[in-house]
Amino acid sequence: MAAAPQQIAVTVKPNSKKGPLVQTGPDGALTVYVREPATEGKANKAVGVLLAEHFGVPKSAVVLVGGATSRLKRFRIR
C-alpha cells in the first residue's frame, strides 16, 4: 500500500555557491540551495531533483504545486 502524498514548503535560494544542498532548520523548515538561476524554470527543476534525492524517491514523485515564481514553494511528494 502506497503512502499518501504529502505537501512540503521549501525556501529556495537560487544562484547559490553553497548548493546543491538541502538544509533543515530547527523548526523543521527546509531551505534548498541550488546553483541554477531562477530563470526559465531552471531552479525549480533543480530543486525537484534535489528533493527527490533527499527523500529517496524518483524524480517523477516530486511535483511543484505552488509558488513557481516565488522563493517559497510547495511541493507534493508521493
N, C-alpha and C. Protein backbone atom coordinates (compact mmCIF):
# COMPACT_ATOMS: atom_id res chain seq x y z
N MET A 1 0.85 -1.18 0.00
CA MET A 1 0.00 0.00 0.00
C MET A 1 0.89 1.24 0.00
N ALA A 2 0.66 2.14 -0.92
CA ALA A 2 1.48 3.34 -1.07
C ALA A 2 1.12 4.37 0.00
N ALA A 3 2.11 5.12 0.41
CA ALA A 3 1.88 6.19 1.38
C ALA A 3 1.14 7.34 0.69
N ALA A 4 0.35 8.05 1.48
CA ALA A 4 -0.39 9.20 0.94
C ALA A 4 0.61 10.31 0.59
N PRO A 5 0.34 11.05 -0.48
CA PRO A 5 1.23 12.15 -0.84
C PRO A 5 1.24 13.21 0.27
N GLN A 6 2.38 13.82 0.46
CA GLN A 6 2.48 14.89 1.44
C GLN A 6 2.96 16.14 0.75
N GLN A 7 2.53 17.28 1.28
CA GLN A 7 3.00 18.56 0.75
C GLN A 7 4.01 19.15 1.71
N ILE A 8 5.06 19.71 1.14
CA ILE A 8 6.07 20.37 1.96
C ILE A 8 6.31 21.77 1.39
N ALA A 9 6.67 22.67 2.27
CA ALA A 9 7.03 24.04 1.86
C ALA A 9 8.54 24.15 1.97
N VAL A 10 9.15 24.73 0.96
CA VAL A 10 10.60 24.93 0.97
C VAL A 10 10.91 26.36 0.57
N THR A 11 11.99 26.87 1.12
CA THR A 11 12.52 28.17 0.71
C THR A 11 13.68 27.88 -0.23
N VAL A 12 13.66 28.50 -1.39
CA VAL A 12 14.67 28.23 -2.42
C VAL A 12 15.65 29.39 -2.51
N LYS A 13 16.92 29.05 -2.57
CA LYS A 13 17.99 30.04 -2.74
C LYS A 13 18.70 29.73 -4.06
N PRO A 14 18.24 30.35 -5.18
CA PRO A 14 18.89 30.11 -6.47
C PRO A 14 20.23 30.84 -6.57
N ASN A 15 21.03 30.48 -7.57
CA ASN A 15 22.35 31.08 -7.80
C ASN A 15 23.26 31.00 -6.59
N SER A 16 23.15 29.93 -5.83
CA SER A 16 23.90 29.80 -4.58
C SER A 16 25.22 29.07 -4.80
N LYS A 17 26.29 29.63 -4.29
CA LYS A 17 27.58 28.94 -4.33
C LYS A 17 27.59 27.81 -3.30
N LYS A 18 26.67 27.84 -2.35
CA LYS A 18 26.59 26.85 -1.28
C LYS A 18 25.98 25.54 -1.77
N GLY A 19 25.22 25.61 -2.86
CA GLY A 19 24.46 24.44 -3.31
C GLY A 19 25.24 23.51 -4.20
N PRO A 20 24.66 22.40 -4.57
CA PRO A 20 23.31 21.94 -4.19
C PRO A 20 23.30 21.38 -2.78
N LEU A 21 22.31 21.83 -2.00
CA LEU A 21 22.23 21.46 -0.59
C LEU A 21 20.80 21.62 -0.09
N VAL A 22 20.36 20.68 0.76
CA VAL A 22 19.08 20.79 1.46
C VAL A 22 19.39 20.92 2.93
N GLN A 23 18.96 22.00 3.56
CA GLN A 23 19.16 22.21 4.99
C GLN A 23 17.82 22.20 5.71
N THR A 24 17.81 21.56 6.87
CA THR A 24 16.61 21.55 7.71
C THR A 24 16.87 22.47 8.89
N GLY A 25 16.00 23.47 9.08
CA GLY A 25 16.14 24.41 10.18
C GLY A 25 15.68 23.80 11.49
N PRO A 26 15.90 24.49 12.59
CA PRO A 26 15.50 23.98 13.91
C PRO A 26 13.99 23.78 14.02
N ASP A 27 13.23 24.51 13.22
CA ASP A 27 11.77 24.37 13.25
C ASP A 27 11.28 23.34 12.24
N GLY A 28 12.21 22.67 11.54
CA GLY A 28 11.85 21.65 10.56
C GLY A 28 11.65 22.19 9.16
N ALA A 29 11.78 23.51 8.98
CA ALA A 29 11.61 24.12 7.66
C ALA A 29 12.80 23.77 6.76
N LEU A 30 12.51 23.50 5.50
CA LEU A 30 13.57 23.16 4.55
C LEU A 30 13.99 24.38 3.75
N THR A 31 15.30 24.54 3.59
CA THR A 31 15.87 25.54 2.70
C THR A 31 16.72 24.78 1.70
N VAL A 32 16.48 25.05 0.42
CA VAL A 32 17.18 24.36 -0.65
C VAL A 32 18.05 25.36 -1.41
N TYR A 33 19.33 25.07 -1.47
CA TYR A 33 20.29 25.91 -2.18
C TYR A 33 20.63 25.23 -3.51
N VAL A 34 20.46 25.94 -4.62
CA VAL A 34 20.81 25.39 -5.93
C VAL A 34 21.67 26.40 -6.68
N ARG A 35 22.51 25.90 -7.56
CA ARG A 35 23.39 26.76 -8.34
C ARG A 35 22.69 27.37 -9.55
N GLU A 36 21.60 26.75 -9.99
CA GLU A 36 20.90 27.20 -11.18
C GLU A 36 20.22 28.55 -10.95
N PRO A 37 20.12 29.37 -12.00
CA PRO A 37 19.44 30.66 -11.88
C PRO A 37 17.93 30.49 -11.86
N ALA A 38 17.26 31.51 -11.35
CA ALA A 38 15.79 31.48 -11.26
C ALA A 38 15.18 31.99 -12.55
N THR A 39 15.62 31.46 -13.68
CA THR A 39 15.07 31.84 -14.97
C THR A 39 14.66 30.58 -15.73
N GLU A 40 13.58 30.70 -16.47
CA GLU A 40 13.08 29.63 -17.33
C GLU A 40 12.86 28.32 -16.59
N GLY A 41 12.56 28.38 -15.28
CA GLY A 41 12.26 27.19 -14.51
C GLY A 41 13.46 26.33 -14.15
N LYS A 42 14.67 26.83 -14.42
CA LYS A 42 15.87 26.03 -14.15
C LYS A 42 16.03 25.72 -12.67
N ALA A 43 15.84 26.72 -11.82
CA ALA A 43 15.98 26.50 -10.38
C ALA A 43 14.89 25.55 -9.87
N ASN A 44 13.66 25.71 -10.35
CA ASN A 44 12.57 24.83 -9.92
C ASN A 44 12.88 23.37 -10.25
N LYS A 45 13.39 23.13 -11.44
CA LYS A 45 13.72 21.77 -11.86
C LYS A 45 14.84 21.21 -10.97
N ALA A 46 15.85 22.02 -10.70
CA ALA A 46 16.97 21.58 -9.87
C ALA A 46 16.50 21.27 -8.44
N VAL A 47 15.57 22.06 -7.93
CA VAL A 47 15.04 21.81 -6.58
C VAL A 47 14.28 20.48 -6.56
N GLY A 48 13.49 20.22 -7.59
CA GLY A 48 12.76 18.96 -7.67
C GLY A 48 13.69 17.76 -7.65
N VAL A 49 14.77 17.84 -8.42
CA VAL A 49 15.75 16.75 -8.48
C VAL A 49 16.42 16.57 -7.11
N LEU A 50 16.79 17.67 -6.49
CA LEU A 50 17.46 17.61 -5.19
C LEU A 50 16.55 17.06 -4.10
N LEU A 51 15.27 17.47 -4.12
CA LEU A 51 14.32 16.94 -3.13
C LEU A 51 14.09 15.44 -3.33
N ALA A 52 14.06 15.00 -4.58
CA ALA A 52 13.89 13.57 -4.85
C ALA A 52 15.06 12.78 -4.25
N GLU A 53 16.27 13.29 -4.42
CA GLU A 53 17.44 12.64 -3.83
C GLU A 53 17.36 12.66 -2.31
N HIS A 54 16.97 13.80 -1.75
CA HIS A 54 16.91 13.97 -0.30
C HIS A 54 15.92 12.99 0.34
N PHE A 55 14.76 12.81 -0.30
CA PHE A 55 13.72 11.94 0.26
C PHE A 55 13.81 10.50 -0.25
N GLY A 56 14.72 10.23 -1.17
CA GLY A 56 14.90 8.88 -1.67
C GLY A 56 13.74 8.38 -2.52
N VAL A 57 13.19 9.27 -3.34
CA VAL A 57 12.08 8.92 -4.23
C VAL A 57 12.48 9.25 -5.66
N PRO A 58 11.78 8.68 -6.65
CA PRO A 58 12.08 9.04 -8.04
C PRO A 58 11.74 10.50 -8.33
N LYS A 59 12.40 11.08 -9.32
CA LYS A 59 12.14 12.48 -9.68
C LYS A 59 10.68 12.72 -10.03
N SER A 60 10.04 11.71 -10.61
CA SER A 60 8.64 11.85 -11.01
C SER A 60 7.70 11.94 -9.82
N ALA A 61 8.18 11.59 -8.62
CA ALA A 61 7.34 11.62 -7.42
C ALA A 61 7.31 13.00 -6.76
N VAL A 62 8.12 13.94 -7.27
CA VAL A 62 8.19 15.29 -6.71
C VAL A 62 7.55 16.26 -7.71
N VAL A 63 6.47 16.93 -7.27
CA VAL A 63 5.71 17.81 -8.17
C VAL A 63 5.57 19.18 -7.52
N LEU A 64 5.90 20.23 -8.26
CA LEU A 64 5.71 21.60 -7.80
C LEU A 64 4.22 21.92 -7.87
N VAL A 65 3.63 22.30 -6.74
CA VAL A 65 2.19 22.59 -6.73
C VAL A 65 1.88 24.05 -6.44
N GLY A 66 2.88 24.84 -6.05
CA GLY A 66 2.62 26.25 -5.80
C GLY A 66 3.90 27.03 -5.63
N GLY A 67 3.87 28.30 -6.04
CA GLY A 67 5.00 29.19 -5.84
C GLY A 67 6.04 29.13 -6.93
N ALA A 68 5.62 28.86 -8.16
CA ALA A 68 6.58 28.70 -9.26
C ALA A 68 7.49 29.92 -9.43
N THR A 69 6.98 31.12 -9.15
CA THR A 69 7.80 32.32 -9.33
C THR A 69 8.22 32.94 -8.00
N SER A 70 8.00 32.23 -6.91
CA SER A 70 8.32 32.73 -5.58
C SER A 70 9.49 31.95 -4.99
N ARG A 71 10.15 32.52 -4.00
CA ARG A 71 11.20 31.77 -3.31
C ARG A 71 10.61 30.73 -2.37
N LEU A 72 9.38 30.95 -1.92
CA LEU A 72 8.69 29.98 -1.07
C LEU A 72 7.82 29.12 -1.97
N LYS A 73 8.13 27.84 -2.03
CA LYS A 73 7.44 26.93 -2.95
C LYS A 73 6.82 25.78 -2.18
N ARG A 74 5.78 25.19 -2.78
CA ARG A 74 5.16 24.00 -2.21
C ARG A 74 5.33 22.85 -3.19
N PHE A 75 5.79 21.73 -2.67
CA PHE A 75 5.96 20.54 -3.47
C PHE A 75 5.13 19.41 -2.87
N ARG A 76 4.62 18.55 -3.75
CA ARG A 76 3.93 17.34 -3.31
C ARG A 76 4.89 16.18 -3.57
N ILE A 77 5.05 15.33 -2.57
CA ILE A 77 5.95 14.18 -2.69
C ILE A 77 5.14 12.92 -2.47
N ARG A 78 5.15 12.03 -3.47
CA ARG A 78 4.43 10.77 -3.38
C ARG A 78 5.32 9.69 -2.86
